[in-house]
Amino acid sequence: MAANNANEPDVLSVHFKGAEHRDTLKRIDLLHENITLQSQPVPNLGELFTSHPLNRGNKEILDATFPSIWSPLPGCTVKCRVETSSGGPQFFFKVVMHVDAGEDTLQFEAARLLMYEACFYSQHLSEFQGRIVPRHYGLFVGETTWGGRIVCSYGQFPRTSMEVD
């Protein structure tokens, strides 16, 4: 599979808006009900740059400081647009911060919901991805200095829509 780092497949190099350094995220292999789920191959697009987090109306949240802008409430899934160093199509992340807080936390539950969503994309929406629903590239995990362990769902808007589901 193509990836952002030719030496390490399924690795993303991401600069989250407001962070001083870029973060490295690695794809999580999913196994659900004894079936290995196949995510779409990750396009090799170079470094990724996020927008500020988006509110429910898909407008950037600009009135908060970093890093609190990325974790408004424990267990919230924060959405953002993703731009690439090479330009081109529009991508998005759904991000959950501090999933290392424990299995009985809202953060862990939000990450679990992202996993269920990834399973649904893989099992039921594969033929519609990129046309009717977003193309889903899987779940990625990484350690940050500002958000602890994060889990990101990575997708590409369908050609007919530029909205985050």
C-alpha atoms as a PDB file:
ATOM      1  CA  MET A   1       0.000   0.000   0.000  1.00  0.00           C
ATOM      2  CA  ALA A   2       1.171   3.503  -0.697  1.00  0.00           C
ATOM      3  CA  ALA A   3       1.822   5.682   2.310  1.00  0.00           C
ATOM      4  CA  ASN A   4       3.192   9.060   3.268  1.00  0.00           C
ATOM      5  CA  ASN A   5       6.561   7.578   4.191  1.00  0.00           C
ATOM      6  CA  ALA A   6       8.032   5.263   1.548  1.00  0.00           C
ATOM      7  CA  ASN A   7      10.156   3.483   4.184  1.00  0.00           C
ATOM      8  CA  GLU A   8       7.207   2.699   6.477  1.00  0.00           C
ATOM      9  CA  PRO A   9       3.928   1.618   4.880  1.00  0.00           C
ATOM     10  CA  ASP A  10       0.717   2.931   6.416  1.00  0.00           C
ATOM     11  CA  VAL A  11       2.368   5.827   8.253  1.00  0.00           C
ATOM     12  CA  LEU A  12       1.080   9.405   8.120  1.00  0.00           C
ATOM     13  CA  SER A  13       3.094  12.527   8.841  1.00  0.00           C
ATOM     14  CA  VAL A  14       0.618  15.130  10.151  1.00  0.00           C
ATOM     15  CA  HIS A  15       0.974  18.732  11.246  1.00  0.00           C
ATOM     16  CA  PHE A  16      -2.025  19.539  13.447  1.00  0.00           C
ATOM     17  CA  LYS A  17      -2.957  23.229  13.305  1.00  0.00           C
ATOM     18  CA  GLY A  18      -1.340  24.990  16.266  1.00  0.00           C
ATOM     19  CA  ALA A  19       1.134  22.224  17.146  1.00  0.00           C
ATOM     20  CA  GLU A  20       4.823  23.070  17.095  1.00  0.00           C
ATOM     21  CA  HIS A  21       5.889  19.755  15.558  1.00  0.00           C
ATOM     22  CA  ARG A  22       4.409  17.241  13.181  1.00  0.00           C
ATOM     23  CA  ASP A  23       3.126  13.948  14.532  1.00  0.00           C
ATOM     24  CA  THR A  24       3.497  10.444  13.148  1.00  0.00           C
ATOM     25  CA  LEU A  25       0.410   8.248  13.021  1.00  0.00           C
ATOM     26  CA  LYS A  26       0.416   4.533  12.210  1.00  0.00           C
ATOM     27  CA  ARG A  27      -2.470   2.529  10.804  1.00  0.00           C
ATOM     28  CA  ILE A  28      -4.296   0.219  13.210  1.00  0.00           C
ATOM     29  CA  ASP A  29      -5.049  -3.221  11.794  1.00  0.00           C
ATOM     30  CA  LEU A  30      -8.633  -4.097  12.652  1.00  0.00           C
ATOM     31  CA  LEU A  31      -9.970  -7.558  13.343  1.00  0.00           C
ATOM     32  CA  HIS A  32     -13.722  -7.690  13.868  1.00  0.00           C
ATOM     33  CA  GLU A  33     -15.697 -10.910  14.348  1.00  0.00           C
ATOM     34  CA  ASN A  34     -12.700 -12.922  13.029  1.00  0.00           C
ATOM     35  CA  ILE A  35     -12.639 -10.939   9.769  1.00  0.00           C
ATOM     36  CA  THR A  36      -9.662  -8.734   8.915  1.00  0.00           C
ATOM     37  CA  LEU A  37     -11.116  -5.502   7.606  1.00  0.00           C
ATOM     38  CA  GLN A  38      -9.656  -4.074   4.445  1.00  0.00           C
ATOM     39  CA  SER A  39      -9.266  -0.302   4.439  1.00  0.00           C
ATOM     40  CA  GLN A  40      -8.625   1.582   1.226  1.00  0.00           C
ATOM     41  CA  PRO A  41      -4.930   1.986   0.284  1.00  0.00           C
ATOM     42  CA  VAL A  42      -3.505   5.233   1.660  1.00  0.00           C
ATOM     43  CA  PRO A  43      -2.497   7.611  -1.139  1.00  0.00           C
ATOM     44  CA  ASN A  44       1.106   8.875  -1.043  1.00  0.00           C
ATOM     45  CA  LEU A  45       0.491  12.620  -0.667  1.00  0.00           C
ATOM     46  CA  GLY A  46       3.408  13.835   1.403  1.00  0.00           C
ATOM     47  CA  GLU A  47       2.937  15.651   4.691  1.00  0.00           C
ATOM     48  CA  LEU A  48      -0.629  16.357   5.828  1.00  0.00           C
ATOM     49  CA  PHE A  49      -1.767  19.662   7.355  1.00  0.00           C
ATOM     50  CA  THR A  50      -5.011  20.009   9.325  1.00  0.00           C
ATOM     51  CA  SER A  51      -7.382  22.923   9.576  1.00  0.00           C
ATOM     52  CA  HIS A  52      -8.585  24.110  12.960  1.00  0.00           C
ATOM     53  CA  PRO A  53     -11.203  21.734  14.377  1.00  0.00           C
ATOM     54  CA  LEU A  54     -14.692  22.076  12.866  1.00  0.00           C
ATOM     55  CA  ASN A  55     -17.945  22.768  14.669  1.00  0.00           C
ATOM     56  CA  ARG A  56     -21.289  21.112  13.834  1.00  0.00           C
ATOM     57  CA  GLY A  57     -21.764  23.514  10.916  1.00  0.00           C
ATOM     58  CA  ASN A  58     -18.347  22.484   9.503  1.00  0.00           C
ATOM     59  CA  LYS A  59     -16.914  25.935  10.249  1.00  0.00           C
ATOM     60  CA  GLU A  60     -13.443  26.223  11.762  1.00  0.00           C
ATOM     61  CA  ILE A  61     -13.301  26.900  15.511  1.00  0.00           C
ATOM     62  CA  LEU A  62     -10.967  29.874  15.866  1.00  0.00           C
ATOM     63  CA  ASP A  63     -11.813  31.264  19.304  1.00  0.00           C
ATOM     64  CA  ALA A  64      -9.822  28.875  21.511  1.00  0.00           C
ATOM     65  CA  THR A  65      -6.163  28.322  22.245  1.00  0.00           C
ATOM     66  CA  PHE A  66      -3.940  25.355  21.446  1.00  0.00           C
ATOM     67  CA  PRO A  67      -4.094  22.573  22.649  1.00  0.00           C
ATOM     68  CA  SER A  68      -7.511  23.070  24.305  1.00  0.00           C
ATOM     69  CA  ILE A  69      -8.992  23.754  20.874  1.00  0.00           C
ATOM     70  CA  TRP A  70      -8.389  20.064  20.055  1.00  0.00           C
ATOM     71  CA  SER A  71     -10.048  18.583  23.134  1.00  0.00           C
ATOM     72  CA  PRO A  72     -13.093  20.629  24.140  1.00  0.00           C
ATOM     73  CA  LEU A  73     -14.674  17.836  26.215  1.00  0.00           C
ATOM     74  CA  PRO A  74     -13.431  14.385  27.236  1.00  0.00           C
ATOM     75  CA  GLY A  75     -14.624  11.804  24.759  1.00  0.00           C
ATOM     76  CA  CYS A  76     -15.450  14.278  22.007  1.00  0.00           C
ATOM     77  CA  THR A  77     -14.595  13.328  18.478  1.00  0.00           C
ATOM     78  CA  VAL A  78     -13.081  16.424  16.864  1.00  0.00           C
ATOM     79  CA  LYS A  79     -13.364  16.828  13.098  1.00  0.00           C
ATOM     80  CA  CYS A  80     -10.991  18.754  10.848  1.00  0.00           C
ATOM     81  CA  ARG A  81     -10.160  19.167   7.191  1.00  0.00           C
ATOM     82  CA  VAL A  82      -6.809  17.865   5.962  1.00  0.00           C
ATOM     83  CA  GLU A  83      -4.731  19.502   3.240  1.00  0.00           C
ATOM     84  CA  THR A  84      -1.778  17.834   1.561  1.00  0.00           C
ATOM     85  CA  SER A  85       1.626  19.219   0.642  1.00  0.00           C
ATOM     86  CA  SER A  86       0.884  18.153  -2.945  1.00  0.00           C
ATOM     87  CA  GLY A  87      -2.565  19.812  -3.153  1.00  0.00           C
ATOM     88  CA  GLY A  88      -5.406  17.857  -4.733  1.00  0.00           C
ATOM     89  CA  PRO A  89      -8.471  16.219  -3.166  1.00  0.00           C
ATOM     90  CA  GLN A  90      -9.984  17.184   0.188  1.00  0.00           C
ATOM     91  CA  PHE A  91      -9.480  14.846   3.137  1.00  0.00           C
ATOM     92  CA  PHE A  92     -10.654  14.825   6.751  1.00  0.00           C
ATOM     93  CA  PHE A  93      -9.787  13.424  10.170  1.00  0.00           C
ATOM     94  CA  LYS A  94     -12.048  12.515  13.044  1.00  0.00           C
ATOM     95  CA  VAL A  95      -9.774  12.699  16.098  1.00  0.00           C
ATOM     96  CA  VAL A  96     -10.114  11.436  19.678  1.00  0.00           C
ATOM     97  CA  MET A  97      -7.480  12.626  22.165  1.00  0.00           C
ATOM     98  CA  HIS A  98      -6.227  10.992  25.356  1.00  0.00           C
ATOM     99  CA  VAL A  99      -7.460   7.471  24.543  1.00  0.00           C
ATOM    100  CA  ASP A 100      -4.749   6.236  26.926  1.00  0.00           C
ATOM    101  CA  ALA A 101      -6.865   7.479  29.863  1.00  0.00           C
ATOM    102  CA  GLY A 102      -8.327   3.984  30.367  1.00  0.00           C
ATOM    103  CA  GLU A 103     -11.018   1.631  29.093  1.00  0.00           C
ATOM    104  CA  ASP A 104     -13.736   3.052  31.328  1.00  0.00           C
ATOM    105  CA  THR A 105     -13.445   6.596  29.926  1.00  0.00           C
ATOM    106  CA  LEU A 106     -15.430   8.584  27.378  1.00  0.00           C
ATOM    107  CA  GLN A 107     -12.268   8.910  25.290  1.00  0.00           C
ATOM    108  CA  PHE A 108     -11.905   5.137  24.980  1.00  0.00           C
ATOM    109  CA  GLU A 109     -15.602   4.803  24.088  1.00  0.00           C
ATOM    110  CA  ALA A 110     -15.287   7.495  21.394  1.00  0.00           C
ATOM    111  CA  ALA A 111     -12.304   5.615  19.907  1.00  0.00           C
ATOM    112  CA  ARG A 112     -14.355   2.409  19.968  1.00  0.00           C
ATOM    113  CA  LEU A 113     -17.114   4.180  18.003  1.00  0.00           C
ATOM    114  CA  LEU A 114     -14.552   5.195  15.375  1.00  0.00           C
ATOM    115  CA  MET A 115     -13.582   1.512  15.135  1.00  0.00           C
ATOM    116  CA  TYR A 116     -17.220   0.498  14.588  1.00  0.00           C
ATOM    117  CA  GLU A 117     -17.533   3.161  11.903  1.00  0.00           C
ATOM    118  CA  ALA A 118     -14.397   1.820  10.167  1.00  0.00           C
ATOM    119  CA  CYS A 119     -15.879  -1.693  10.286  1.00  0.00           C
ATOM    120  CA  PHE A 120     -19.111  -0.441   8.746  1.00  0.00           C
ATOM    121  CA  TYR A 121     -17.249   1.309   5.923  1.00  0.00           C
ATOM    122  CA  SER A 122     -15.259  -1.848   5.215  1.00  0.00           C
ATOM    123  CA  GLN A 123     -18.100  -4.374   5.413  1.00  0.00           C
ATOM    124  CA  HIS A 124     -21.074  -2.459   4.009  1.00  0.00           C
ATOM    125  CA  LEU A 125     -19.944   0.626   2.098  1.00  0.00           C
ATOM    126  CA  SER A 126     -16.855  -0.463   0.160  1.00  0.00           C
ATOM    127  CA  GLU A 127     -18.510  -0.235  -3.272  1.00  0.00           C
ATOM    128  CA  PHE A 128     -19.882   3.281  -2.551  1.00  0.00           C
ATOM    129  CA  GLN A 129     -16.707   4.820  -1.136  1.00  0.00           C
ATOM    130  CA  GLY A 130     -15.490   7.898  -2.963  1.00  0.00           C
ATOM    131  CA  ARG A 131     -18.732   8.262  -4.916  1.00  0.00           C
ATOM    132  CA  ILE A 132     -21.610   8.493  -2.429  1.00  0.00           C
ATOM    133  CA  VAL A 133     -19.865   8.237   0.943  1.00  0.00           C
ATOM    134  CA  PRO A 134     -16.344   9.287   1.926  1.00  0.00           C
ATOM    135  CA  ARG A 135     -13.469   6.996   1.002  1.00  0.00           C
ATOM    136  CA  HIS A 136     -12.245   5.600   4.319  1.00  0.00           C
ATOM    137  CA  TYR A 137      -8.501   4.937   4.739  1.00  0.00           C
ATOM    138  CA  GLY A 138      -8.731   3.390   8.187  1.00  0.00           C
ATOM    139  CA  LEU A 139      -7.805   4.252  11.752  1.00  0.00           C
ATOM    140  CA  PHE A 140      -4.432   5.649  12.741  1.00  0.00           C
ATOM    141  CA  VAL A 141      -2.898   6.007  16.188  1.00  0.00           C
ATOM    142  CA  GLY A 142      -0.039   8.128  17.488  1.00  0.00           C
ATOM    143  CA  GLU A 143       1.512   9.705  20.567  1.00  0.00           C
ATOM    144  CA  THR A 144       1.521  13.493  20.812  1.00  0.00           C
ATOM    145  CA  THR A 145       2.973  15.899  23.328  1.00  0.00           C
ATOM    146  CA  TRP A 146      -0.297  17.856  23.380  1.00  0.00           C
ATOM    147  CA  GLY A 147      -3.106  15.262  23.186  1.00  0.00           C
ATOM    148  CA  GLY A 148      -1.586  12.093  24.624  1.00  0.00           C
ATOM    149  CA  ARG A 149      -2.383   9.028  22.543  1.00  0.00           C
ATOM    150  CA  ILE A 150      -4.744   9.965  19.725  1.00  0.00           C
ATOM    151  CA  VAL A 151      -6.845   7.893  17.354  1.00  0.00           C
ATOM    152  CA  CYS A 152      -7.753   9.319  13.940  1.00  0.00           C
ATOM    153  CA  SER A 153     -10.232   8.133  11.369  1.00  0.00           C
ATOM    154  CA  TYR A 154      -8.876   9.245   7.973  1.00  0.00           C
ATOM    155  CA  GLY A 155     -11.107   9.787   4.948  1.00  0.00           C
ATOM    156  CA  GLN A 156     -11.539  11.577   1.658  1.00  0.00           C
ATOM    157  CA  PHE A 157     -14.646  13.515   0.751  1.00  0.00           C
ATOM    158  CA  PRO A 158     -16.684  12.031  -2.096  1.00  0.00           C
ATOM    159  CA  ARG A 159     -16.512  13.923  -5.369  1.00  0.00           C
ATOM    160  CA  THR A 160     -20.076  15.216  -4.894  1.00  0.00           C
ATOM    161  CA  SER A 161     -19.725  16.536  -1.323  1.00  0.00           C
ATOM    162  CA  MET A 162     -17.249  18.490   0.774  1.00  0.00           C
ATOM    163  CA  GLU A 163     -18.958  17.894   4.124  1.00  0.00           C
ATOM    164  CA  VAL A 164     -17.801  15.737   7.052  1.00  0.00           C
ATOM    165  CA  ASP A 165     -20.364  13.078   7.971  1.00  0.00           C
END
